[in-house]
């Protein structure tokens, strides 16, 4: 679960849990939109990853899952950060080579589809199946 850190790590701007200005990287480093986009040019100064808008936790869950109260205030050396930004800002995310290709099923795929269907149905409705054979 996201911590929803309360402030920008660089300028210490408050970023409450419902802020639309909060930006995070994959390690949840948290910055205000101004620092993330205008100063760091969408390159996290800590991990060199990109930033995305931090989601807003629905108010009905805030009491049960409150935001963090721990402020992380570590202003960055802008000269060092600029070198890091220049090195990584134009690198596009790699196309994930593990993704499957979606295609129209062929007759040869029928056996696999039927087995997958049986396994999935057995997992979700197993108590209704009298023939308990697995394939």
C-alpha atoms as a PDB file:
ATOM      1  CA  UNK A   1       0.000   0.000   0.000  1.00  0.00           C
ATOM      2  CA  UNK A   2       1.286   3.445  -0.842  1.00  0.00           C
ATOM      3  CA  UNK A   3       2.566   5.508   2.082  1.00  0.00           C
ATOM      4  CA  UNK A   4       1.146   8.778   0.712  1.00  0.00           C
ATOM      5  CA  UNK A   5       4.048  10.814   2.020  1.00  0.00           C
ATOM      6  CA  UNK A   6       2.991  14.255   3.269  1.00  0.00           C
ATOM      7  CA  UNK A   7       5.414  16.571   1.464  1.00  0.00           C
ATOM      8  CA  UNK A   8       7.800  17.161  -1.415  1.00  0.00           C
ATOM      9  CA  UNK A   9      11.246  15.751  -0.704  1.00  0.00           C
ATOM     10  CA  UNK A  10      12.921  18.702  -2.428  1.00  0.00           C
ATOM     11  CA  UNK A  11      10.992  21.860  -1.496  1.00  0.00           C
ATOM     12  CA  UNK A  12       8.918  20.563   1.438  1.00  0.00           C
ATOM     13  CA  UNK A  13       5.592  21.691  -0.069  1.00  0.00           C
ATOM     14  CA  UNK A  14       2.706  20.013   1.736  1.00  0.00           C
ATOM     15  CA  UNK A  15       1.097  17.228  -0.280  1.00  0.00           C
ATOM     16  CA  UNK A  16      -1.971  15.980   1.604  1.00  0.00           C
ATOM     17  CA  UNK A  17      -3.454  12.611   0.655  1.00  0.00           C
ATOM     18  CA  UNK A  18      -5.957  14.266  -1.692  1.00  0.00           C
ATOM     19  CA  UNK A  19      -3.384  16.429  -3.497  1.00  0.00           C
ATOM     20  CA  UNK A  20      -3.433  16.384  -7.280  1.00  0.00           C
ATOM     21  CA  UNK A  21       0.070  17.907  -7.257  1.00  0.00           C
ATOM     22  CA  UNK A  22       1.842  14.850  -5.775  1.00  0.00           C
ATOM     23  CA  UNK A  23       4.125  12.888  -8.104  1.00  0.00           C
ATOM     24  CA  UNK A  24       5.839   9.582  -7.242  1.00  0.00           C
ATOM     25  CA  UNK A  25       8.394   7.261  -8.806  1.00  0.00           C
ATOM     26  CA  UNK A  26       8.437   3.477  -8.638  1.00  0.00           C
ATOM     27  CA  UNK A  27      10.136   3.626  -5.205  1.00  0.00           C
ATOM     28  CA  UNK A  28       7.542   6.135  -4.001  1.00  0.00           C
ATOM     29  CA  UNK A  29       9.932   9.059  -3.825  1.00  0.00           C
ATOM     30  CA  UNK A  30       7.474  11.944  -3.534  1.00  0.00           C
ATOM     31  CA  UNK A  31       7.760  15.378  -5.114  1.00  0.00           C
ATOM     32  CA  UNK A  32       5.399  18.200  -5.980  1.00  0.00           C
ATOM     33  CA  UNK A  33       4.531  18.542  -9.663  1.00  0.00           C
ATOM     34  CA  UNK A  34       6.709  21.661 -10.015  1.00  0.00           C
ATOM     35  CA  UNK A  35       9.846  19.933  -8.740  1.00  0.00           C
ATOM     36  CA  UNK A  36       9.179  16.639 -10.547  1.00  0.00           C
ATOM     37  CA  UNK A  37       8.444  18.141 -13.948  1.00  0.00           C
ATOM     38  CA  UNK A  38      10.056  21.573 -14.097  1.00  0.00           C
ATOM     39  CA  UNK A  39      13.196  21.013 -12.019  1.00  0.00           C
ATOM     40  CA  UNK A  40      13.902  17.274 -12.432  1.00  0.00           C
ATOM     41  CA  UNK A  41      12.303  17.012 -15.907  1.00  0.00           C
ATOM     42  CA  UNK A  42      10.478  13.775 -15.060  1.00  0.00           C
ATOM     43  CA  UNK A  43      13.646  11.982 -13.859  1.00  0.00           C
ATOM     44  CA  UNK A  44      13.699  10.962 -10.195  1.00  0.00           C
ATOM     45  CA  UNK A  45      16.893  12.331  -8.641  1.00  0.00           C
ATOM     46  CA  UNK A  46      17.123   9.265  -6.394  1.00  0.00           C
ATOM     47  CA  UNK A  47      16.516   6.297  -8.710  1.00  0.00           C
ATOM     48  CA  UNK A  48      16.505   7.897 -12.201  1.00  0.00           C
ATOM     49  CA  UNK A  49      13.039   6.499 -12.915  1.00  0.00           C
ATOM     50  CA  UNK A  50      10.115   8.549 -14.181  1.00  0.00           C
ATOM     51  CA  UNK A  51       7.284  10.140 -12.225  1.00  0.00           C
ATOM     52  CA  UNK A  52       3.548   9.513 -12.320  1.00  0.00           C
ATOM     53  CA  UNK A  53       0.698  11.256 -10.561  1.00  0.00           C
ATOM     54  CA  UNK A  54       0.176   9.806  -7.106  1.00  0.00           C
ATOM     55  CA  UNK A  55      -3.297   8.291  -6.825  1.00  0.00           C
ATOM     56  CA  UNK A  56      -5.743   9.738  -4.330  1.00  0.00           C
ATOM     57  CA  UNK A  57      -6.878   7.298  -1.675  1.00  0.00           C
ATOM     58  CA  UNK A  58     -10.675   7.295  -1.389  1.00  0.00           C
ATOM     59  CA  UNK A  59     -11.792   9.196   1.717  1.00  0.00           C
ATOM     60  CA  UNK A  60     -13.656   6.148   3.053  1.00  0.00           C
ATOM     61  CA  UNK A  61     -10.262   4.393   3.498  1.00  0.00           C
ATOM     62  CA  UNK A  62      -8.228   7.246   4.995  1.00  0.00           C
ATOM     63  CA  UNK A  63      -9.200   6.444   8.576  1.00  0.00           C
ATOM     64  CA  UNK A  64      -8.380   2.750   8.239  1.00  0.00           C
ATOM     65  CA  UNK A  65      -5.302   3.347   6.035  1.00  0.00           C
ATOM     66  CA  UNK A  66      -3.991   6.807   6.941  1.00  0.00           C
ATOM     67  CA  UNK A  67      -1.325   8.703   5.035  1.00  0.00           C
ATOM     68  CA  UNK A  68       2.207   8.763   6.358  1.00  0.00           C
ATOM     69  CA  UNK A  69       3.095  11.606   8.711  1.00  0.00           C
ATOM     70  CA  UNK A  70       6.852  11.107   8.264  1.00  0.00           C
ATOM     71  CA  UNK A  71       8.304  13.949   6.210  1.00  0.00           C
ATOM     72  CA  UNK A  72      11.329  13.235   4.057  1.00  0.00           C
ATOM     73  CA  UNK A  73      12.994  16.545   3.313  1.00  0.00           C
ATOM     74  CA  UNK A  74      16.247  16.110   1.417  1.00  0.00           C
ATOM     75  CA  UNK A  75      16.773  19.008  -0.993  1.00  0.00           C
ATOM     76  CA  UNK A  76      18.878  17.933  -3.955  1.00  0.00           C
ATOM     77  CA  UNK A  77      22.087  19.474  -5.238  1.00  0.00           C
ATOM     78  CA  UNK A  78      20.756  20.894  -8.497  1.00  0.00           C
ATOM     79  CA  UNK A  79      24.125  20.741 -10.268  1.00  0.00           C
ATOM     80  CA  UNK A  80      24.430  16.988  -9.648  1.00  0.00           C
ATOM     81  CA  UNK A  81      20.749  16.459 -10.348  1.00  0.00           C
ATOM     82  CA  UNK A  82      21.007  18.269 -13.693  1.00  0.00           C
ATOM     83  CA  UNK A  83      23.715  15.826 -14.840  1.00  0.00           C
ATOM     84  CA  UNK A  84      21.492  12.889 -13.850  1.00  0.00           C
ATOM     85  CA  UNK A  85      18.489  14.421 -15.602  1.00  0.00           C
ATOM     86  CA  UNK A  86      20.447  15.030 -18.805  1.00  0.00           C
ATOM     87  CA  UNK A  87      21.659  11.432 -18.787  1.00  0.00           C
ATOM     88  CA  UNK A  88      18.192   9.846 -18.423  1.00  0.00           C
ATOM     89  CA  UNK A  89      15.474  12.264 -19.573  1.00  0.00           C
ATOM     90  CA  UNK A  90      15.391  11.122 -23.216  1.00  0.00           C
ATOM     91  CA  UNK A  91      15.434   7.387 -22.547  1.00  0.00           C
ATOM     92  CA  UNK A  92      12.106   5.873 -23.519  1.00  0.00           C
ATOM     93  CA  UNK A  93      10.714   2.968 -21.498  1.00  0.00           C
ATOM     94  CA  UNK A  94      11.837  -0.299 -23.047  1.00  0.00           C
ATOM     95  CA  UNK A  95       9.203  -2.369 -24.750  1.00  0.00           C
ATOM     96  CA  UNK A  96       8.551  -5.256 -22.398  1.00  0.00           C
ATOM     97  CA  UNK A  97       9.772  -8.379 -24.159  1.00  0.00           C
ATOM     98  CA  UNK A  98       7.792 -10.631 -21.809  1.00  0.00           C
ATOM     99  CA  UNK A  99       4.425  -9.418 -23.049  1.00  0.00           C
ATOM    100  CA  UNK A 100       2.259 -11.893 -24.905  1.00  0.00           C
ATOM    101  CA  UNK A 101       1.019 -11.308 -28.396  1.00  0.00           C
ATOM    102  CA  UNK A 102      -2.749 -11.233 -28.712  1.00  0.00           C
ATOM    103  CA  UNK A 103      -4.036 -12.978 -31.804  1.00  0.00           C
ATOM    104  CA  UNK A 104      -7.120 -14.760 -33.062  1.00  0.00           C
ATOM    105  CA  UNK A 105      -7.224 -18.354 -31.818  1.00  0.00           C
ATOM    106  CA  UNK A 106      -6.795 -21.154 -34.335  1.00  0.00           C
ATOM    107  CA  UNK A 107      -8.187 -24.658 -34.364  1.00  0.00           C
ATOM    108  CA  UNK A 108      -4.847 -25.884 -32.991  1.00  0.00           C
ATOM    109  CA  UNK A 109      -5.376 -23.678 -29.902  1.00  0.00           C
ATOM    110  CA  UNK A 110      -8.672 -25.396 -29.011  1.00  0.00           C
ATOM    111  CA  UNK A 111      -7.068 -28.032 -26.773  1.00  0.00           C
ATOM    112  CA  UNK A 112      -5.254 -25.418 -24.685  1.00  0.00           C
ATOM    113  CA  UNK A 113      -8.282 -23.169 -24.455  1.00  0.00           C
ATOM    114  CA  UNK A 114     -10.492 -26.041 -23.300  1.00  0.00           C
ATOM    115  CA  UNK A 115      -7.919 -27.071 -20.668  1.00  0.00           C
ATOM    116  CA  UNK A 116      -7.595 -23.503 -19.413  1.00  0.00           C
ATOM    117  CA  UNK A 117     -11.363 -23.186 -19.297  1.00  0.00           C
ATOM    118  CA  UNK A 118     -11.691 -26.413 -17.314  1.00  0.00           C
ATOM    119  CA  UNK A 119      -8.980 -25.404 -14.840  1.00  0.00           C
ATOM    120  CA  UNK A 120     -10.423 -21.928 -14.349  1.00  0.00           C
ATOM    121  CA  UNK A 121     -13.962 -23.236 -13.970  1.00  0.00           C
ATOM    122  CA  UNK A 122     -12.779 -25.979 -11.584  1.00  0.00           C
ATOM    123  CA  UNK A 123     -11.012 -23.420  -9.410  1.00  0.00           C
ATOM    124  CA  UNK A 124     -14.057 -21.175  -9.144  1.00  0.00           C
ATOM    125  CA  UNK A 125     -16.883 -23.761  -9.173  1.00  0.00           C
ATOM    126  CA  UNK A 126     -15.149 -26.962  -8.049  1.00  0.00           C
ATOM    127  CA  UNK A 127     -17.759 -27.816  -5.449  1.00  0.00           C
ATOM    128  CA  UNK A 128     -20.352 -28.267  -8.235  1.00  0.00           C
ATOM    129  CA  UNK A 129     -18.286 -30.704 -10.331  1.00  0.00           C
ATOM    130  CA  UNK A 130     -18.868 -34.386  -9.738  1.00  0.00           C
ATOM    131  CA  UNK A 131     -16.136 -35.563 -12.108  1.00  0.00           C
ATOM    132  CA  UNK A 132     -12.997 -34.337 -10.255  1.00  0.00           C
ATOM    133  CA  UNK A 133     -10.451 -35.505 -12.863  1.00  0.00           C
ATOM    134  CA  UNK A 134      -7.720 -33.010 -13.627  1.00  0.00           C
ATOM    135  CA  UNK A 135      -5.885 -32.852 -16.876  1.00  0.00           C
END
